[in-house]
Amino acid sequence: MEELTLTTPSILFSAISLIMLAYTNRFLAYATVIRSLKIEHESNPTAVTARQIENIRKRLYITRSMQLFGVLSLLLCVVCTFFIYVGWQLTAVYMFAISLLLLVISLALSVKELLISVKALEYHLDRVET
């Protein structure tokens, strides 16, 4: 097995940081949508708004998981860098592998959330058609 260098896990720092920025922006957008849905549902409760609220609740929890796995991935990249620095190559390799796995989980959750987001938009389209 080839040895890891300090630059190997460092490459992921910027990628993970950008992904985390996108996840945070998504989370903030949900906060706005949730506030408007709450007002709409309180003033005029309908089955459509109830479905939208349930949909956004699922998306919110998935986004939280996406962020959690992304942060853990970044943290393990930092730990991996430390282990490379102190010369613990085998441990660094395992940390890097786990970090990549956590990043893959985060991205898979992002795809799942995207699919659920399409359903939310379909709810809006259903309202236009009827």
N, C-alpha and C. Protein backbone atom coordinates (compact mmCIF):
# COMPACT_ATOMS: atom_id res chain seq x y z
N MET A 1 0.85 -1.18 0.00
CA MET A 1 0.00 0.00 0.00
C MET A 1 0.90 1.24 0.00
N GLU A 2 0.48 2.21 -0.78
CA GLU A 2 1.23 3.46 -0.88
C GLU A 2 0.93 4.33 0.35
N GLU A 3 1.93 5.07 0.79
CA GLU A 3 1.74 5.92 1.96
C GLU A 3 0.93 7.16 1.61
N LEU A 4 0.12 7.58 2.56
CA LEU A 4 -0.62 8.84 2.41
C LEU A 4 0.32 10.00 2.69
N THR A 5 0.12 11.08 1.98
CA THR A 5 0.87 12.31 2.27
C THR A 5 -0.09 13.31 2.89
N LEU A 6 0.43 14.39 3.41
CA LEU A 6 -0.41 15.41 4.03
C LEU A 6 -1.41 16.01 3.03
N THR A 7 -1.06 16.01 1.76
CA THR A 7 -1.96 16.63 0.77
C THR A 7 -3.15 15.75 0.44
N THR A 8 -3.06 14.44 0.66
CA THR A 8 -4.16 13.54 0.29
C THR A 8 -5.46 13.88 1.03
N PRO A 9 -5.50 13.88 2.37
CA PRO A 9 -6.76 14.25 3.02
C PRO A 9 -7.07 15.74 2.90
N SER A 10 -6.04 16.54 2.71
CA SER A 10 -6.24 17.99 2.62
C SER A 10 -7.04 18.37 1.37
N ILE A 11 -6.98 17.55 0.35
CA ILE A 11 -7.73 17.81 -0.87
C ILE A 11 -9.23 17.84 -0.57
N LEU A 12 -9.65 17.02 0.37
CA LEU A 12 -11.07 16.95 0.69
C LEU A 12 -11.56 18.14 1.51
N PHE A 13 -10.67 18.87 2.16
CA PHE A 13 -11.09 19.98 3.01
C PHE A 13 -11.97 20.97 2.27
N SER A 14 -11.52 21.41 1.12
CA SER A 14 -12.31 22.42 0.39
C SER A 14 -13.60 21.82 -0.16
N ALA A 15 -13.54 20.58 -0.64
CA ALA A 15 -14.76 19.94 -1.17
C ALA A 15 -15.81 19.77 -0.09
N ILE A 16 -15.40 19.27 1.05
CA ILE A 16 -16.35 19.06 2.15
C ILE A 16 -16.87 20.40 2.65
N SER A 17 -16.01 21.40 2.71
CA SER A 17 -16.45 22.72 3.16
C SER A 17 -17.51 23.30 2.23
N LEU A 18 -17.33 23.14 0.92
CA LEU A 18 -18.34 23.62 -0.03
C LEU A 18 -19.65 22.86 0.10
N ILE A 19 -19.55 21.57 0.30
CA ILE A 19 -20.76 20.77 0.49
C ILE A 19 -21.48 21.20 1.76
N MET A 20 -20.73 21.45 2.82
CA MET A 20 -21.34 21.88 4.07
C MET A 20 -22.01 23.25 3.90
N LEU A 21 -21.42 24.13 3.12
CA LEU A 21 -22.03 25.43 2.84
C LEU A 21 -23.36 25.25 2.12
N ALA A 22 -23.39 24.35 1.14
CA ALA A 22 -24.63 24.08 0.42
C ALA A 22 -25.68 23.49 1.36
N TYR A 23 -25.27 22.58 2.23
CA TYR A 23 -26.21 21.99 3.19
C TYR A 23 -26.76 23.05 4.14
N THR A 24 -25.91 23.95 4.60
CA THR A 24 -26.35 25.01 5.50
C THR A 24 -27.33 25.95 4.81
N ASN A 25 -27.05 26.29 3.56
CA ASN A 25 -27.98 27.13 2.81
C ASN A 25 -29.33 26.44 2.64
N ARG A 26 -29.29 25.16 2.39
CA ARG A 26 -30.53 24.39 2.27
C ARG A 26 -31.30 24.42 3.59
N PHE A 27 -30.59 24.25 4.69
CA PHE A 27 -31.21 24.26 6.01
C PHE A 27 -31.87 25.62 6.28
N LEU A 28 -31.19 26.70 5.93
CA LEU A 28 -31.75 28.04 6.14
C LEU A 28 -32.97 28.27 5.26
N ALA A 29 -32.94 27.73 4.05
CA ALA A 29 -34.11 27.85 3.17
C ALA A 29 -35.30 27.09 3.78
N TYR A 30 -35.03 25.95 4.38
CA TYR A 30 -36.11 25.20 5.03
C TYR A 30 -36.73 26.00 6.17
N ALA A 31 -35.91 26.72 6.90
CA ALA A 31 -36.43 27.52 8.01
C ALA A 31 -37.44 28.54 7.49
N THR A 32 -37.14 29.16 6.36
CA THR A 32 -38.06 30.13 5.76
C THR A 32 -39.34 29.46 5.30
N VAL A 33 -39.20 28.31 4.64
CA VAL A 33 -40.37 27.58 4.15
C VAL A 33 -41.24 27.11 5.32
N ILE A 34 -40.61 26.64 6.37
CA ILE A 34 -41.35 26.15 7.53
C ILE A 34 -42.15 27.28 8.17
N ARG A 35 -41.54 28.44 8.29
CA ARG A 35 -42.27 29.57 8.89
C ARG A 35 -43.48 29.97 8.04
N SER A 36 -43.31 30.00 6.73
CA SER A 36 -44.44 30.38 5.88
C SER A 36 -45.51 29.29 5.85
N LEU A 37 -45.09 28.03 5.86
CA LEU A 37 -46.08 26.94 5.90
C LEU A 37 -46.87 26.95 7.21
N LYS A 38 -46.19 27.26 8.29
CA LYS A 38 -46.87 27.30 9.60
C LYS A 38 -47.96 28.38 9.58
N ILE A 39 -47.61 29.55 9.07
CA ILE A 39 -48.59 30.64 9.00
C ILE A 39 -49.75 30.25 8.09
N GLU A 40 -49.42 29.68 6.94
CA GLU A 40 -50.47 29.27 5.99
C GLU A 40 -51.37 28.20 6.59
N HIS A 41 -50.77 27.23 7.26
CA HIS A 41 -51.56 26.13 7.83
C HIS A 41 -52.42 26.60 9.01
N GLU A 42 -51.91 27.55 9.78
CA GLU A 42 -52.71 28.05 10.90
C GLU A 42 -53.89 28.88 10.42
N SER A 43 -53.69 29.64 9.35
CA SER A 43 -54.78 30.48 8.85
C SER A 43 -55.77 29.71 7.99
N ASN A 44 -55.28 28.69 7.25
CA ASN A 44 -56.15 27.93 6.37
C ASN A 44 -55.65 26.48 6.28
N PRO A 45 -55.95 25.67 7.29
CA PRO A 45 -55.44 24.29 7.29
C PRO A 45 -56.08 23.47 6.16
N THR A 46 -55.23 22.87 5.34
CA THR A 46 -55.70 22.00 4.27
C THR A 46 -54.88 20.73 4.27
N ALA A 47 -55.37 19.74 3.52
CA ALA A 47 -54.63 18.49 3.40
C ALA A 47 -53.30 18.72 2.68
N VAL A 48 -53.30 19.67 1.75
CA VAL A 48 -52.06 19.95 0.99
C VAL A 48 -50.99 20.53 1.90
N THR A 49 -51.36 21.50 2.74
CA THR A 49 -50.35 22.08 3.63
C THR A 49 -49.89 21.05 4.66
N ALA A 50 -50.80 20.18 5.09
CA ALA A 50 -50.40 19.12 6.03
C ALA A 50 -49.39 18.19 5.37
N ARG A 51 -49.60 17.85 4.09
CA ARG A 51 -48.64 16.99 3.38
C ARG A 51 -47.31 17.72 3.19
N GLN A 52 -47.38 19.01 2.91
CA GLN A 52 -46.15 19.78 2.75
C GLN A 52 -45.36 19.85 4.04
N ILE A 53 -46.06 20.02 5.14
CA ILE A 53 -45.38 20.09 6.44
C ILE A 53 -44.72 18.76 6.76
N GLU A 54 -45.41 17.65 6.49
CA GLU A 54 -44.81 16.34 6.73
C GLU A 54 -43.60 16.12 5.83
N ASN A 55 -43.69 16.57 4.60
CA ASN A 55 -42.59 16.44 3.66
C ASN A 55 -41.37 17.25 4.12
N ILE A 56 -41.61 18.48 4.52
CA ILE A 56 -40.48 19.34 4.95
C ILE A 56 -39.87 18.82 6.24
N ARG A 57 -40.68 18.20 7.08
CA ARG A 57 -40.14 17.61 8.32
C ARG A 57 -39.15 16.49 7.98
N LYS A 58 -39.51 15.61 7.04
CA LYS A 58 -38.60 14.55 6.62
C LYS A 58 -37.32 15.14 6.04
N ARG A 59 -37.47 16.12 5.19
CA ARG A 59 -36.32 16.74 4.54
C ARG A 59 -35.40 17.41 5.57
N LEU A 60 -35.99 18.02 6.57
CA LEU A 60 -35.21 18.69 7.61
C LEU A 60 -34.34 17.69 8.37
N TYR A 61 -34.92 16.55 8.74
CA TYR A 61 -34.16 15.55 9.48
C TYR A 61 -33.10 14.89 8.61
N ILE A 62 -33.39 14.71 7.33
CA ILE A 62 -32.38 14.16 6.43
C ILE A 62 -31.23 15.16 6.28
N THR A 63 -31.56 16.44 6.16
CA THR A 63 -30.53 17.47 6.04
C THR A 63 -29.66 17.51 7.29
N ARG A 64 -30.27 17.34 8.43
CA ARG A 64 -29.49 17.29 9.67
C ARG A 64 -28.50 16.12 9.62
N SER A 65 -28.95 14.97 9.15
CA SER A 65 -28.06 13.81 9.03
C SER A 65 -26.96 14.06 8.00
N MET A 66 -27.31 14.70 6.89
CA MET A 66 -26.32 15.04 5.87
C MET A 66 -25.23 15.90 6.48
N GLN A 67 -25.64 16.91 7.24
CA GLN A 67 -24.67 17.80 7.88
C GLN A 67 -23.82 17.06 8.89
N LEU A 68 -24.44 16.20 9.67
CA LEU A 68 -23.70 15.44 10.68
C LEU A 68 -22.63 14.56 10.03
N PHE A 69 -23.00 13.81 9.01
CA PHE A 69 -22.02 12.95 8.34
C PHE A 69 -20.94 13.78 7.64
N GLY A 70 -21.31 14.93 7.10
CA GLY A 70 -20.32 15.81 6.47
C GLY A 70 -19.32 16.34 7.46
N VAL A 71 -19.82 16.78 8.62
CA VAL A 71 -18.92 17.29 9.67
C VAL A 71 -18.01 16.19 10.19
N LEU A 72 -18.56 15.00 10.39
CA LEU A 72 -17.72 13.89 10.86
C LEU A 72 -16.67 13.53 9.82
N SER A 73 -17.02 13.59 8.55
CA SER A 73 -16.06 13.34 7.49
C SER A 73 -14.91 14.35 7.53
N LEU A 74 -15.26 15.62 7.68
CA LEU A 74 -14.24 16.66 7.77
C LEU A 74 -13.37 16.47 9.00
N LEU A 75 -13.99 16.15 10.11
CA LEU A 75 -13.24 15.92 11.35
C LEU A 75 -12.25 14.78 11.19
N LEU A 76 -12.69 13.68 10.57
CA LEU A 76 -11.78 12.56 10.39
C LEU A 76 -10.67 12.87 9.39
N CYS A 77 -10.94 13.75 8.43
CA CYS A 77 -9.86 14.21 7.53
C CYS A 77 -8.79 14.95 8.33
N VAL A 78 -9.23 15.77 9.27
CA VAL A 78 -8.28 16.49 10.12
C VAL A 78 -7.50 15.51 10.99
N VAL A 79 -8.20 14.54 11.58
CA VAL A 79 -7.54 13.53 12.40
C VAL A 79 -6.54 12.73 11.56
N CYS A 80 -6.95 12.39 10.34
CA CYS A 80 -6.07 11.67 9.42
C CYS A 80 -4.80 12.48 9.15
N THR A 81 -4.98 13.77 8.91
CA THR A 81 -3.83 14.64 8.67
C THR A 81 -2.88 14.63 9.88
N PHE A 82 -3.46 14.67 11.06
CA PHE A 82 -2.64 14.61 12.28
C PHE A 82 -1.87 13.30 12.36
N PHE A 83 -2.54 12.19 12.07
CA PHE A 83 -1.87 10.89 12.14
C PHE A 83 -0.76 10.77 11.09
N ILE A 84 -0.97 11.35 9.94
CA ILE A 84 0.11 11.37 8.93
C ILE A 84 1.29 12.18 9.47
N TYR A 85 0.98 13.32 10.07
CA TYR A 85 2.01 14.21 10.60
C TYR A 85 2.87 13.52 11.66
N VAL A 86 2.22 12.73 12.54
CA VAL A 86 2.98 12.06 13.61
C VAL A 86 3.54 10.71 13.17
N GLY A 87 3.23 10.30 11.92
CA GLY A 87 3.84 9.09 11.38
C GLY A 87 3.06 7.81 11.61
N TRP A 88 1.81 7.89 11.96
CA TRP A 88 0.98 6.71 12.17
C TRP A 88 0.24 6.39 10.86
N GLN A 89 0.95 5.88 9.90
CA GLN A 89 0.41 5.70 8.55
C GLN A 89 -0.81 4.78 8.50
N LEU A 90 -0.75 3.64 9.15
CA LEU A 90 -1.86 2.69 9.07
C LEU A 90 -3.13 3.29 9.67
N THR A 91 -2.99 3.94 10.81
CA THR A 91 -4.14 4.59 11.43
C THR A 91 -4.67 5.70 10.54
N ALA A 92 -3.78 6.43 9.91
CA ALA A 92 -4.19 7.51 9.00
C ALA A 92 -4.97 6.95 7.82
N VAL A 93 -4.53 5.83 7.30
CA VAL A 93 -5.24 5.21 6.17
C VAL A 93 -6.66 4.83 6.58
N TYR A 94 -6.81 4.24 7.76
CA TYR A 94 -8.14 3.85 8.23
C TYR A 94 -9.02 5.09 8.47
N MET A 95 -8.45 6.12 9.05
CA MET A 95 -9.21 7.35 9.27
C MET A 95 -9.68 7.96 7.95
N PHE A 96 -8.79 7.94 6.97
CA PHE A 96 -9.14 8.49 5.66
C PHE A 96 -10.24 7.66 5.00
N ALA A 97 -10.14 6.35 5.12
CA ALA A 97 -11.16 5.47 4.54
C ALA A 97 -12.52 5.71 5.20
N ILE A 98 -12.54 5.83 6.50
CA ILE A 98 -13.79 6.10 7.21
C ILE A 98 -14.33 7.47 6.82
N SER A 99 -13.44 8.43 6.68
CA SER A 99 -13.84 9.78 6.27
C SER A 99 -14.52 9.74 4.90
N LEU A 100 -13.94 9.01 3.97
CA LEU A 100 -14.54 8.88 2.64
C LEU A 100 -15.90 8.19 2.71
N LEU A 101 -16.00 7.17 3.54
CA LEU A 101 -17.28 6.47 3.71
C LEU A 101 -18.35 7.41 4.26
N LEU A 102 -17.99 8.22 5.25
CA LEU A 102 -18.94 9.17 5.81
C LEU A 102 -19.37 10.21 4.77
N LEU A 103 -18.43 10.62 3.93
CA LEU A 103 -18.77 11.56 2.86
C LEU A 103 -19.73 10.92 1.86
N VAL A 104 -19.51 9.67 1.54
CA VAL A 104 -20.42 8.96 0.63
C VAL A 104 -21.82 8.86 1.24
N ILE A 105 -21.90 8.58 2.53
CA ILE A 105 -23.21 8.51 3.20
C ILE A 105 -23.89 9.88 3.14
N SER A 106 -23.13 10.93 3.40
CA SER A 106 -23.69 12.28 3.35
C SER A 106 -24.23 12.60 1.96
N LEU A 107 -23.49 12.24 0.94
CA LEU A 107 -23.93 12.50 -0.43
C LEU A 107 -25.14 11.64 -0.80
N ALA A 108 -25.17 10.40 -0.33
CA ALA A 108 -26.33 9.54 -0.59
C ALA A 108 -27.59 10.11 0.06
N LEU A 109 -27.44 10.62 1.27
CA LEU A 109 -28.57 11.26 1.94
C LEU A 109 -29.02 12.50 1.16
N SER A 110 -28.07 13.19 0.57
CA SER A 110 -28.40 14.36 -0.23
C SER A 110 -29.26 13.97 -1.43
N VAL A 111 -28.94 12.85 -2.05
CA VAL A 111 -29.75 12.35 -3.17
C VAL A 111 -31.15 11.99 -2.68
N LYS A 112 -31.22 11.32 -1.53
CA LYS A 112 -32.52 10.94 -0.97
C LYS A 112 -33.35 12.19 -0.69
N GLU A 113 -32.73 13.21 -0.13
CA GLU A 113 -33.44 14.46 0.16
C GLU A 113 -33.90 15.13 -1.12
N LEU A 114 -33.10 15.06 -2.14
CA LEU A 114 -33.46 15.64 -3.43
C LEU A 114 -34.71 14.96 -3.99
N LEU A 115 -34.78 13.66 -3.88
CA LEU A 115 -35.96 12.93 -4.36
C LEU A 115 -37.22 13.32 -3.58
N ILE A 116 -37.07 13.52 -2.29
CA ILE A 116 -38.21 13.96 -1.47
C ILE A 116 -38.60 15.39 -1.83
N SER A 117 -37.61 16.22 -2.15
CA SER A 117 -37.89 17.60 -2.54
C SER A 117 -38.76 17.66 -3.79
N VAL A 118 -38.55 16.73 -4.69
CA VAL A 118 -39.38 16.68 -5.90
C VAL A 118 -40.84 16.46 -5.51
N LYS A 119 -41.09 15.63 -4.51
CA LYS A 119 -42.46 15.40 -4.05
C LYS A 119 -43.07 16.70 -3.53
N ALA A 120 -42.28 17.50 -2.85
CA ALA A 120 -42.79 18.77 -2.34
C ALA A 120 -43.21 19.68 -3.49
N LEU A 121 -42.43 19.69 -4.54
CA LEU A 121 -42.80 20.50 -5.70
C LEU A 121 -44.03 19.93 -6.41
N GLU A 122 -44.16 18.61 -6.39
CA GLU A 122 -45.36 17.99 -6.96
C GLU A 122 -46.61 18.41 -6.19
N TYR A 123 -46.50 18.58 -4.88
CA TYR A 123 -47.65 19.05 -4.10
C TYR A 123 -48.10 20.43 -4.60
N HIS A 124 -47.13 21.29 -4.90
CA HIS A 124 -47.47 22.61 -5.43
C HIS A 124 -48.12 22.49 -6.81
N LEU A 125 -47.60 21.60 -7.63
CA LEU A 125 -48.20 21.40 -8.95
C LEU A 125 -49.60 20.84 -8.85
N ASP A 126 -49.84 19.96 -7.86
CA ASP A 126 -51.18 19.43 -7.65
C ASP A 126 -52.17 20.56 -7.34
N ARG A 127 -51.72 21.54 -6.60
CA ARG A 127 -52.58 22.67 -6.24
C ARG A 127 -52.91 23.50 -7.47
N VAL A 128 -51.99 23.60 -8.41
CA VAL A 128 -52.23 24.38 -9.63
C VAL A 128 -53.21 23.66 -10.54
N GLU A 129 -53.12 22.34 -10.61
CA GLU A 129 -53.98 21.56 -11.51
C GLU A 129 -55.43 21.51 -11.03
N THR A 130 -55.67 21.58 -9.73
CA THR A 130 -57.04 21.43 -9.24
C THR A 130 -57.76 22.73 -9.09
